[in-house]
Amino acid sequence: MIDLGLSKLALIGVVALVVVGPERLPKVARMAGTLFGRAQRYINDVKSEVSREIELEELRKVQKEMQEAASNVEQTIAQNMSEVEKEVSEAFTNPLLDTPMPDRQVVKAKDFRKKKLARNSAVPSWYKKQTGRKTHVLSGAARVAKYRPASAARKTTASFH
């Protein structure tokens, strides 16, 4: 950059005082200051924009590399899955009859999984009792009959007749 020392600034000030005059010098100095500030802001904006673009380009490169890696992993997984499916289908094929094994075993396995899920996901009754949760639901009429004394129940039924 331009090397401006104190002596050079003083020389510029004296020349400006002589050329512009003492009455217009503060106005010109203020205008020069605002123009210099604008120029600095513009240069800083350009620098930040260039650095942002460089960062974006680097991010795009990284994203592209990650997408390529992900597609490679996806292809590898798909190949492995197809190999496993092929091996499983070969394992479930009866080599003597060259026919697949019955689907009954598959249905049994699904039923077993459903029952196991129901057993494991259900909340135990001891926990319901401990936390005060209801273990079974009563209808409205059953609740009324349960919590109303027998003498009060007879009086209300007698008044309806």
C-alpha atoms as a PDB file:
ATOM      1  CA  MET A   1       0.000   0.000   0.000  1.00  0.00           C
ATOM      2  CA  ILE A   2       0.919   3.642  -0.098  1.00  0.00           C
ATOM      3  CA  ASP A   3       3.262   4.614   2.701  1.00  0.00           C
ATOM      4  CA  LEU A   4       1.976   7.866   4.178  1.00  0.00           C
ATOM      5  CA  GLY A   5       4.013   9.293   7.010  1.00  0.00           C
ATOM      6  CA  LEU A   6       3.344  12.380   9.097  1.00  0.00           C
ATOM      7  CA  SER A   7       5.512  14.595   6.904  1.00  0.00           C
ATOM      8  CA  LYS A   8       3.733  13.504   3.701  1.00  0.00           C
ATOM      9  CA  LEU A   9       0.295  14.099   5.282  1.00  0.00           C
ATOM     10  CA  ALA A  10       1.362  17.575   6.390  1.00  0.00           C
ATOM     11  CA  LEU A  11       2.597  18.372   2.860  1.00  0.00           C
ATOM     12  CA  ILE A  12      -0.727  17.156   1.369  1.00  0.00           C
ATOM     13  CA  GLY A  13      -2.623  19.296   3.896  1.00  0.00           C
ATOM     14  CA  VAL A  14      -0.643  22.441   3.043  1.00  0.00           C
ATOM     15  CA  VAL A  15      -1.123  21.888  -0.715  1.00  0.00           C
ATOM     16  CA  ALA A  16      -4.871  21.317  -0.194  1.00  0.00           C
ATOM     17  CA  LEU A  17      -5.103  24.490   1.919  1.00  0.00           C
ATOM     18  CA  VAL A  18      -3.451  26.526  -0.785  1.00  0.00           C
ATOM     19  CA  VAL A  19      -5.400  24.972  -3.701  1.00  0.00           C
ATOM     20  CA  VAL A  20      -8.864  24.703  -2.122  1.00  0.00           C
ATOM     21  CA  GLY A  21      -8.779  27.600   0.294  1.00  0.00           C
ATOM     22  CA  PRO A  22      -9.430  27.784   4.029  1.00  0.00           C
ATOM     23  CA  GLU A  23     -13.214  28.240   3.784  1.00  0.00           C
ATOM     24  CA  ARG A  24     -13.851  25.150   1.620  1.00  0.00           C
ATOM     25  CA  LEU A  25     -11.136  22.913   3.130  1.00  0.00           C
ATOM     26  CA  PRO A  26     -13.320  21.379   5.938  1.00  0.00           C
ATOM     27  CA  LYS A  27     -16.034  20.514   3.396  1.00  0.00           C
ATOM     28  CA  VAL A  28     -13.540  18.905   1.038  1.00  0.00           C
ATOM     29  CA  ALA A  29     -11.856  17.019   3.896  1.00  0.00           C
ATOM     30  CA  ARG A  30     -15.246  15.687   5.077  1.00  0.00           C
ATOM     31  CA  MET A  31     -16.133  14.606   1.539  1.00  0.00           C
ATOM     32  CA  ALA A  32     -12.728  12.947   1.064  1.00  0.00           C
ATOM     33  CA  GLY A  33     -13.219  11.108   4.383  1.00  0.00           C
ATOM     34  CA  THR A  34     -16.660   9.810   3.388  1.00  0.00           C
ATOM     35  CA  LEU A  35     -15.381   8.734  -0.040  1.00  0.00           C
ATOM     36  CA  PHE A  36     -12.419   6.985   1.576  1.00  0.00           C
ATOM     37  CA  GLY A  37     -14.801   5.218   4.041  1.00  0.00           C
ATOM     38  CA  ARG A  38     -17.065   4.111   1.211  1.00  0.00           C
ATOM     39  CA  ALA A  39     -14.087   2.782  -0.718  1.00  0.00           C
ATOM     40  CA  GLN A  40     -12.901   0.839   2.336  1.00  0.00           C
ATOM     41  CA  ARG A  41     -16.380  -0.629   2.906  1.00  0.00           C
ATOM     42  CA  TYR A  42     -16.639  -1.594  -0.756  1.00  0.00           C
ATOM     43  CA  ILE A  43     -13.231  -3.279  -0.681  1.00  0.00           C
ATOM     44  CA  ASN A  44     -14.138  -5.139   2.529  1.00  0.00           C
ATOM     45  CA  ASP A  45     -17.457  -6.269   0.991  1.00  0.00           C
ATOM     46  CA  VAL A  46     -15.655  -7.543  -2.092  1.00  0.00           C
ATOM     47  CA  LYS A  47     -13.098  -9.371   0.065  1.00  0.00           C
ATOM     48  CA  SER A  48     -15.801 -11.010   2.193  1.00  0.00           C
ATOM     49  CA  GLU A  49     -17.780 -11.992  -0.903  1.00  0.00           C
ATOM     50  CA  VAL A  50     -14.709 -13.561  -2.495  1.00  0.00           C
ATOM     51  CA  SER A  51     -13.913 -15.478   0.700  1.00  0.00           C
ATOM     52  CA  ARG A  52     -17.554 -16.626   0.929  1.00  0.00           C
ATOM     53  CA  GLU A  53     -17.433 -17.855  -2.665  1.00  0.00           C
ATOM     54  CA  ILE A  54     -14.208 -19.720  -1.968  1.00  0.00           C
ATOM     55  CA  GLU A  55     -15.772 -21.352   1.105  1.00  0.00           C
ATOM     56  CA  LEU A  56     -18.885 -22.253  -0.890  1.00  0.00           C
ATOM     57  CA  GLU A  57     -16.754 -23.817  -3.598  1.00  0.00           C
ATOM     58  CA  GLU A  58     -14.889 -25.858  -0.986  1.00  0.00           C
ATOM     59  CA  LEU A  59     -18.219 -26.934   0.544  1.00  0.00           C
ATOM     60  CA  ARG A  60     -19.499 -27.940  -2.886  1.00  0.00           C
ATOM     61  CA  LYS A  61     -16.395 -30.052  -3.426  1.00  0.00           C
ATOM     62  CA  VAL A  62     -16.853 -31.714  -0.023  1.00  0.00           C
ATOM     63  CA  GLN A  63     -20.559 -32.291  -0.740  1.00  0.00           C
ATOM     64  CA  LYS A  64     -19.748 -33.852  -4.097  1.00  0.00           C
ATOM     65  CA  GLU A  65     -17.154 -36.138  -2.489  1.00  0.00           C
ATOM     66  CA  MET A  66     -19.650 -37.160   0.200  1.00  0.00           C
ATOM     67  CA  GLN A  67     -22.337 -37.883  -2.384  1.00  0.00           C
ATOM     68  CA  GLU A  68     -19.908 -40.033  -4.354  1.00  0.00           C
ATOM     69  CA  ALA A  69     -18.903 -41.885  -1.186  1.00  0.00           C
ATOM     70  CA  ALA A  70     -22.554 -42.373  -0.237  1.00  0.00           C
ATOM     71  CA  SER A  71     -23.413 -43.707  -3.685  1.00  0.00           C
ATOM     72  CA  ASN A  72     -20.457 -46.097  -3.500  1.00  0.00           C
ATOM     73  CA  VAL A  73     -21.615 -47.319  -0.096  1.00  0.00           C
ATOM     74  CA  GLU A  74     -25.178 -47.659  -1.393  1.00  0.00           C
ATOM     75  CA  GLN A  75     -23.986 -49.705  -4.370  1.00  0.00           C
ATOM     76  CA  THR A  76     -21.889 -51.915  -2.113  1.00  0.00           C
ATOM     77  CA  ILE A  77     -24.826 -52.477   0.232  1.00  0.00           C
ATOM     78  CA  ALA A  78     -27.134 -53.249  -2.691  1.00  0.00           C
ATOM     79  CA  GLN A  79     -24.639 -55.788  -4.054  1.00  0.00           C
ATOM     80  CA  ASN A  80     -24.233 -57.397  -0.640  1.00  0.00           C
ATOM     81  CA  MET A  81     -28.002 -57.508  -0.123  1.00  0.00           C
ATOM     82  CA  SER A  82     -28.536 -59.171  -3.491  1.00  0.00           C
ATOM     83  CA  GLU A  83     -25.858 -61.747  -2.647  1.00  0.00           C
ATOM     84  CA  VAL A  84     -27.445 -62.406   0.751  1.00  0.00           C
ATOM     85  CA  GLU A  85     -30.923 -62.699  -0.786  1.00  0.00           C
ATOM     86  CA  LYS A  86     -29.555 -65.145  -3.342  1.00  0.00           C
ATOM     87  CA  GLU A  87     -27.888 -67.219  -0.610  1.00  0.00           C
ATOM     88  CA  VAL A  88     -31.047 -67.182   1.515  1.00  0.00           C
ATOM     89  CA  SER A  89     -33.225 -68.262  -1.392  1.00  0.00           C
ATOM     90  CA  GLU A  90     -30.747 -71.041  -2.122  1.00  0.00           C
ATOM     91  CA  ALA A  91     -30.761 -72.078   1.548  1.00  0.00           C
ATOM     92  CA  PHE A  92     -34.570 -72.298   1.647  1.00  0.00           C
ATOM     93  CA  THR A  93     -34.661 -74.395  -1.501  1.00  0.00           C
ATOM     94  CA  ASN A  94     -34.923 -78.157  -0.939  1.00  0.00           C
ATOM     95  CA  PRO A  95     -32.020 -79.595  -2.958  1.00  0.00           C
ATOM     96  CA  LEU A  96     -33.661 -83.044  -3.349  1.00  0.00           C
ATOM     97  CA  LEU A  97     -36.953 -81.869  -4.799  1.00  0.00           C
ATOM     98  CA  ASP A  98     -35.637 -78.580  -6.149  1.00  0.00           C
ATOM     99  CA  THR A  99     -38.751 -76.844  -4.778  1.00  0.00           C
ATOM    100  CA  PRO A 100     -38.889 -74.102  -2.202  1.00  0.00           C
ATOM    101  CA  MET A 101     -39.776 -74.998   1.376  1.00  0.00           C
ATOM    102  CA  PRO A 102     -43.368 -74.319   2.421  1.00  0.00           C
ATOM    103  CA  ASP A 103     -44.378 -70.829   3.488  1.00  0.00           C
ATOM    104  CA  ARG A 104     -45.799 -72.236   6.705  1.00  0.00           C
ATOM    105  CA  GLN A 105     -42.479 -71.657   8.437  1.00  0.00           C
ATOM    106  CA  VAL A 106     -42.455 -68.024   7.340  1.00  0.00           C
ATOM    107  CA  VAL A 107     -45.996 -67.534   8.681  1.00  0.00           C
ATOM    108  CA  LYS A 108     -45.018 -69.191  11.980  1.00  0.00           C
ATOM    109  CA  ALA A 109     -42.033 -66.862  12.281  1.00  0.00           C
ATOM    110  CA  LYS A 110     -44.217 -63.788  11.675  1.00  0.00           C
ATOM    111  CA  ASP A 111     -46.763 -64.959  14.259  1.00  0.00           C
ATOM    112  CA  PHE A 112     -43.979 -65.595  16.751  1.00  0.00           C
ATOM    113  CA  ARG A 113     -42.598 -62.078  16.200  1.00  0.00           C
ATOM    114  CA  LYS A 114     -46.060 -60.535  16.681  1.00  0.00           C
ATOM    115  CA  LYS A 115     -46.658 -62.457  19.906  1.00  0.00           C
ATOM    116  CA  LYS A 116     -43.197 -61.598  21.208  1.00  0.00           C
ATOM    117  CA  LEU A 117     -43.764 -57.927  20.410  1.00  0.00           C
ATOM    118  CA  ALA A 118     -47.101 -57.987  22.230  1.00  0.00           C
ATOM    119  CA  ARG A 119     -45.508 -59.661  25.256  1.00  0.00           C
ATOM    120  CA  ASN A 120     -42.586 -57.262  25.398  1.00  0.00           C
ATOM    121  CA  SER A 121     -44.435 -54.038  24.646  1.00  0.00           C
ATOM    122  CA  ALA A 122     -47.356 -54.553  27.022  1.00  0.00           C
ATOM    123  CA  VAL A 123     -47.154 -52.762  30.366  1.00  0.00           C
ATOM    124  CA  PRO A 124     -47.016 -55.271  33.256  1.00  0.00           C
ATOM    125  CA  SER A 125     -50.005 -55.317  35.601  1.00  0.00           C
ATOM    126  CA  TRP A 126     -47.806 -54.913  38.711  1.00  0.00           C
ATOM    127  CA  TYR A 127     -46.491 -51.653  37.225  1.00  0.00           C
ATOM    128  CA  LYS A 128     -50.025 -50.451  36.520  1.00  0.00           C
ATOM    129  CA  LYS A 129     -51.027 -51.172  40.123  1.00  0.00           C
ATOM    130  CA  GLN A 130     -47.912 -49.497  41.466  1.00  0.00           C
ATOM    131  CA  THR A 131     -48.404 -46.318  39.420  1.00  0.00           C
ATOM    132  CA  GLY A 132     -52.173 -46.248  39.876  1.00  0.00           C
ATOM    133  CA  ARG A 133     -53.024 -46.903  36.239  1.00  0.00           C
ATOM    134  CA  LYS A 134     -56.249 -48.714  35.470  1.00  0.00           C
ATOM    135  CA  THR A 135     -55.845 -52.385  34.699  1.00  0.00           C
ATOM    136  CA  HIS A 136     -59.299 -52.710  33.118  1.00  0.00           C
ATOM    137  CA  VAL A 137     -62.021 -50.317  32.030  1.00  0.00           C
ATOM    138  CA  LEU A 138     -65.507 -50.159  33.547  1.00  0.00           C
ATOM    139  CA  SER A 139     -68.542 -48.833  31.738  1.00  0.00           C
ATOM    140  CA  GLY A 140     -70.401 -45.837  33.139  1.00  0.00           C
ATOM    141  CA  ALA A 141     -73.250 -47.926  34.567  1.00  0.00           C
ATOM    142  CA  ALA A 142     -70.807 -50.340  36.178  1.00  0.00           C
ATOM    143  CA  ARG A 143     -68.947 -47.459  37.836  1.00  0.00           C
ATOM    144  CA  VAL A 144     -72.192 -46.010  39.200  1.00  0.00           C
ATOM    145  CA  ALA A 145     -73.252 -49.377  40.570  1.00  0.00           C
ATOM    146  CA  LYS A 146     -69.818 -50.004  42.043  1.00  0.00           C
ATOM    147  CA  TYR A 147     -69.381 -46.713  43.853  1.00  0.00           C
ATOM    148  CA  ARG A 148     -73.005 -46.012  44.914  1.00  0.00           C
ATOM    149  CA  PRO A 149     -74.145 -47.583  48.179  1.00  0.00           C
ATOM    150  CA  ALA A 150     -76.797 -50.268  47.863  1.00  0.00           C
ATOM    151  CA  SER A 151     -79.380 -48.299  49.881  1.00  0.00           C
ATOM    152  CA  ALA A 152     -79.056 -45.258  47.601  1.00  0.00           C
ATOM    153  CA  ALA A 153     -79.424 -47.484  44.556  1.00  0.00           C
ATOM    154  CA  ARG A 154     -82.684 -48.925  45.909  1.00  0.00           C
ATOM    155  CA  LYS A 155     -84.096 -45.462  46.623  1.00  0.00           C
ATOM    156  CA  THR A 156     -83.450 -44.204  43.102  1.00  0.00           C
ATOM    157  CA  THR A 157     -84.978 -47.282  41.483  1.00  0.00           C
ATOM    158  CA  ALA A 158     -88.021 -47.043  43.783  1.00  0.00           C
ATOM    159  CA  SER A 159     -88.648 -43.414  42.783  1.00  0.00           C
ATOM    160  CA  PHE A 160     -88.806 -44.334  39.092  1.00  0.00           C
ATOM    161  CA  HIS A 161     -91.633 -46.875  39.598  1.00  0.00           C
END
